[in-house]
Amino acid sequence: MKTSKTLAAFAALAQETRLAVFRLLVKTGPEELSAGDIARRLDVHAATLSSHLAQLERADLLKSRRVHRHIYYGVDYEGARELIAFLTEDCCQGHPEICGPAFGHVPRNPTVFT
């Protein structure tokens, strides 16, 4: 993962609403939520939410799909995985399992960084 992409992901997550959206969708798993559902669950105005969703999507942390007039959002697991792998790549001299369960379960995929 390039540094600029990592910085975009951190910038996207460095705001309370965007972090809440990302965490909500991570908890939801592979099921996508409509923008309206996200707004209701987080008690955020739809107009405000759309810019937050767009920034998370530009940072490759969310992906969207349109079905008629509704847009559904889910986690971009590849982008999230790349961010986590980037952060833990050099952990414990290349052995993240030493750091404990929070880091030890992250799969390393060397092709992601080529």
C-alpha atoms as a PDB file:
ATOM      1  CA  MET A   1       0.000   0.000   0.000  1.00  0.00           C
ATOM      2  CA  LYS A   2       1.355   3.395  -0.943  1.00  0.00           C
ATOM      3  CA  THR A   3       1.862   6.034   1.707  1.00  0.00           C
ATOM      4  CA  SER A   4      -0.608   8.404   0.018  1.00  0.00           C
ATOM      5  CA  LYS A   5      -3.316   5.726   0.089  1.00  0.00           C
ATOM      6  CA  THR A   6      -2.574   5.020   3.753  1.00  0.00           C
ATOM      7  CA  LEU A   7      -2.800   8.717   4.607  1.00  0.00           C
ATOM      8  CA  ALA A   8      -6.149   8.965   2.781  1.00  0.00           C
ATOM      9  CA  ALA A   9      -7.470   6.032   4.830  1.00  0.00           C
ATOM     10  CA  PHE A  10      -6.287   7.585   8.095  1.00  0.00           C
ATOM     11  CA  ALA A  11      -7.754  10.959   7.145  1.00  0.00           C
ATOM     12  CA  ALA A  12     -11.070   9.281   6.359  1.00  0.00           C
ATOM     13  CA  LEU A  13     -11.127   7.478   9.703  1.00  0.00           C
ATOM     14  CA  ALA A  14      -9.957  10.522  11.691  1.00  0.00           C
ATOM     15  CA  GLN A  15     -13.466  11.902  12.042  1.00  0.00           C
ATOM     16  CA  GLU A  16     -16.112  10.693  14.478  1.00  0.00           C
ATOM     17  CA  THR A  17     -18.980  10.081  12.038  1.00  0.00           C
ATOM     18  CA  ARG A  18     -16.810   8.385   9.409  1.00  0.00           C
ATOM     19  CA  LEU A  19     -15.241   6.149  12.040  1.00  0.00           C
ATOM     20  CA  ALA A  20     -18.717   5.255  13.325  1.00  0.00           C
ATOM     21  CA  VAL A  21     -19.875   4.419   9.781  1.00  0.00           C
ATOM     22  CA  PHE A  22     -16.858   2.210   9.161  1.00  0.00           C
ATOM     23  CA  ARG A  23     -17.257   0.401  12.490  1.00  0.00           C
ATOM     24  CA  LEU A  24     -20.991  -0.101  11.881  1.00  0.00           C
ATOM     25  CA  LEU A  25     -20.357  -1.657   8.489  1.00  0.00           C
ATOM     26  CA  VAL A  26     -17.524  -3.822   9.828  1.00  0.00           C
ATOM     27  CA  LYS A  27     -19.909  -5.134  12.509  1.00  0.00           C
ATOM     28  CA  THR A  28     -22.575  -5.730   9.872  1.00  0.00           C
ATOM     29  CA  GLY A  29     -20.203  -7.990   7.949  1.00  0.00           C
ATOM     30  CA  PRO A  30     -20.734  -8.779   4.279  1.00  0.00           C
ATOM     31  CA  GLU A  31     -24.329  -7.529   4.424  1.00  0.00           C
ATOM     32  CA  GLU A  32     -24.607  -4.070   2.897  1.00  0.00           C
ATOM     33  CA  LEU A  33     -26.697  -1.249   4.336  1.00  0.00           C
ATOM     34  CA  SER A  34     -28.481   1.482   2.448  1.00  0.00           C
ATOM     35  CA  ALA A  35     -27.402   5.050   3.080  1.00  0.00           C
ATOM     36  CA  GLY A  36     -30.780   5.625   4.736  1.00  0.00           C
ATOM     37  CA  ASP A  37     -30.280   2.691   7.110  1.00  0.00           C
ATOM     38  CA  ILE A  38     -26.826   3.961   8.040  1.00  0.00           C
ATOM     39  CA  ALA A  39     -28.214   7.453   8.673  1.00  0.00           C
ATOM     40  CA  ARG A  40     -30.992   6.088  10.912  1.00  0.00           C
ATOM     41  CA  ARG A  41     -28.735   3.764  12.880  1.00  0.00           C
ATOM     42  CA  LEU A  42     -26.195   6.508  13.552  1.00  0.00           C
ATOM     43  CA  ASP A  43     -28.724   9.342  13.851  1.00  0.00           C
ATOM     44  CA  VAL A  44     -26.982  11.388  11.157  1.00  0.00           C
ATOM     45  CA  HIS A  45     -28.690  13.584   8.562  1.00  0.00           C
ATOM     46  CA  ALA A  46     -28.620  12.017   5.102  1.00  0.00           C
ATOM     47  CA  ALA A  47     -27.164  15.160   3.502  1.00  0.00           C
ATOM     48  CA  THR A  48     -24.276  15.157   5.960  1.00  0.00           C
ATOM     49  CA  LEU A  49     -23.746  11.427   5.666  1.00  0.00           C
ATOM     50  CA  SER A  50     -23.299  11.399   1.892  1.00  0.00           C
ATOM     51  CA  SER A  51     -20.043  13.371   2.035  1.00  0.00           C
ATOM     52  CA  HIS A  52     -18.698  11.079   4.764  1.00  0.00           C
ATOM     53  CA  LEU A  53     -19.579   7.976   2.733  1.00  0.00           C
ATOM     54  CA  ALA A  54     -17.904   9.458  -0.333  1.00  0.00           C
ATOM     55  CA  GLN A  55     -14.677  10.135   1.565  1.00  0.00           C
ATOM     56  CA  LEU A  56     -14.597   6.593   2.970  1.00  0.00           C
ATOM     57  CA  GLU A  57     -15.178   5.227  -0.513  1.00  0.00           C
ATOM     58  CA  ARG A  58     -12.409   7.383  -2.034  1.00  0.00           C
ATOM     59  CA  ALA A  59     -10.076   6.000   0.652  1.00  0.00           C
ATOM     60  CA  ASP A  60     -10.930   2.433  -0.467  1.00  0.00           C
ATOM     61  CA  LEU A  61     -12.511   1.608   2.885  1.00  0.00           C
ATOM     62  CA  LEU A  62     -16.091   1.324   1.584  1.00  0.00           C
ATOM     63  CA  LYS A  63     -17.662   0.247  -1.666  1.00  0.00           C
ATOM     64  CA  SER A  64     -21.110   1.057  -2.952  1.00  0.00           C
ATOM     65  CA  ARG A  65     -23.644  -0.222  -5.422  1.00  0.00           C
ATOM     66  CA  ARG A  66     -26.778   1.389  -6.732  1.00  0.00           C
ATOM     67  CA  VAL A  67     -30.084  -0.456  -6.885  1.00  0.00           C
ATOM     68  CA  HIS A  68     -32.680   1.786  -8.506  1.00  0.00           C
ATOM     69  CA  ARG A  69     -32.814   4.890  -6.292  1.00  0.00           C
ATOM     70  CA  HIS A  70     -30.952   3.385  -3.327  1.00  0.00           C
ATOM     71  CA  ILE A  71     -27.222   3.169  -2.742  1.00  0.00           C
ATOM     72  CA  TYR A  72     -25.946   0.320  -0.591  1.00  0.00           C
ATOM     73  CA  TYR A  73     -22.620   0.470   1.224  1.00  0.00           C
ATOM     74  CA  GLY A  74     -20.342  -2.223   2.562  1.00  0.00           C
ATOM     75  CA  VAL A  75     -16.764  -2.494   3.716  1.00  0.00           C
ATOM     76  CA  ASP A  76     -14.137  -2.720   1.008  1.00  0.00           C
ATOM     77  CA  TYR A  77     -12.424  -5.628   2.695  1.00  0.00           C
ATOM     78  CA  GLU A  78      -9.442  -5.579   0.372  1.00  0.00           C
ATOM     79  CA  GLY A  79      -8.770  -1.915   1.157  1.00  0.00           C
ATOM     80  CA  ALA A  80      -9.237  -2.466   4.901  1.00  0.00           C
ATOM     81  CA  ARG A  81      -7.009  -5.548   4.779  1.00  0.00           C
ATOM     82  CA  GLU A  82      -4.316  -3.587   2.949  1.00  0.00           C
ATOM     83  CA  LEU A  83      -4.414  -0.860   5.604  1.00  0.00           C
ATOM     84  CA  ILE A  84      -4.112  -3.353   8.464  1.00  0.00           C
ATOM     85  CA  ALA A  85      -1.342  -5.247   6.674  1.00  0.00           C
ATOM     86  CA  PHE A  86       0.522  -1.988   6.018  1.00  0.00           C
ATOM     87  CA  LEU A  87       0.337  -1.060   9.694  1.00  0.00           C
ATOM     88  CA  THR A  88       1.536  -4.445  10.901  1.00  0.00           C
ATOM     89  CA  GLU A  89       3.961  -5.280   8.099  1.00  0.00           C
ATOM     90  CA  ASP A  90       7.067  -4.577  10.173  1.00  0.00           C
ATOM     91  CA  CYS A  91       5.572  -5.398  13.569  1.00  0.00           C
ATOM     92  CA  CYS A  92       7.881  -7.408  15.799  1.00  0.00           C
ATOM     93  CA  GLN A  93      10.556  -7.690  13.106  1.00  0.00           C
ATOM     94  CA  GLY A  94       8.181  -9.308  10.626  1.00  0.00           C
ATOM     95  CA  HIS A  95       6.454 -11.612  13.124  1.00  0.00           C
ATOM     96  CA  PRO A  96       3.142  -9.916  14.014  1.00  0.00           C
ATOM     97  CA  GLU A  97       1.936 -13.025  15.867  1.00  0.00           C
ATOM     98  CA  ILE A  98       4.356 -12.078  18.668  1.00  0.00           C
ATOM     99  CA  CYS A  99       2.342  -8.898  19.304  1.00  0.00           C
ATOM    100  CA  GLY A 100      -0.714 -10.879  20.378  1.00  0.00           C
ATOM    101  CA  PRO A 101      -4.086 -11.799  18.969  1.00  0.00           C
ATOM    102  CA  ALA A 102      -4.937  -8.328  17.698  1.00  0.00           C
ATOM    103  CA  PHE A 103      -2.103  -8.558  15.178  1.00  0.00           C
ATOM    104  CA  GLY A 104      -1.414 -12.252  14.860  1.00  0.00           C
ATOM    105  CA  HIS A 105      -4.562 -13.017  12.855  1.00  0.00           C
ATOM    106  CA  VAL A 106      -3.843 -10.542  10.044  1.00  0.00           C
ATOM    107  CA  PRO A 107      -3.045 -12.528   6.896  1.00  0.00           C
ATOM    108  CA  ARG A 108       0.051 -11.378   5.101  1.00  0.00           C
ATOM    109  CA  ASN A 109      -0.310 -11.109   1.361  1.00  0.00           C
ATOM    110  CA  PRO A 110       2.963 -10.041  -0.246  1.00  0.00           C
ATOM    111  CA  THR A 111       1.284  -9.462  -3.618  1.00  0.00           C
ATOM    112  CA  VAL A 112      -0.737  -6.606  -2.119  1.00  0.00           C
ATOM    113  CA  PHE A 113       2.368  -4.425  -1.883  1.00  0.00           C
ATOM    114  CA  THR A 114       3.801  -4.929  -5.345  1.00  0.00           C
END
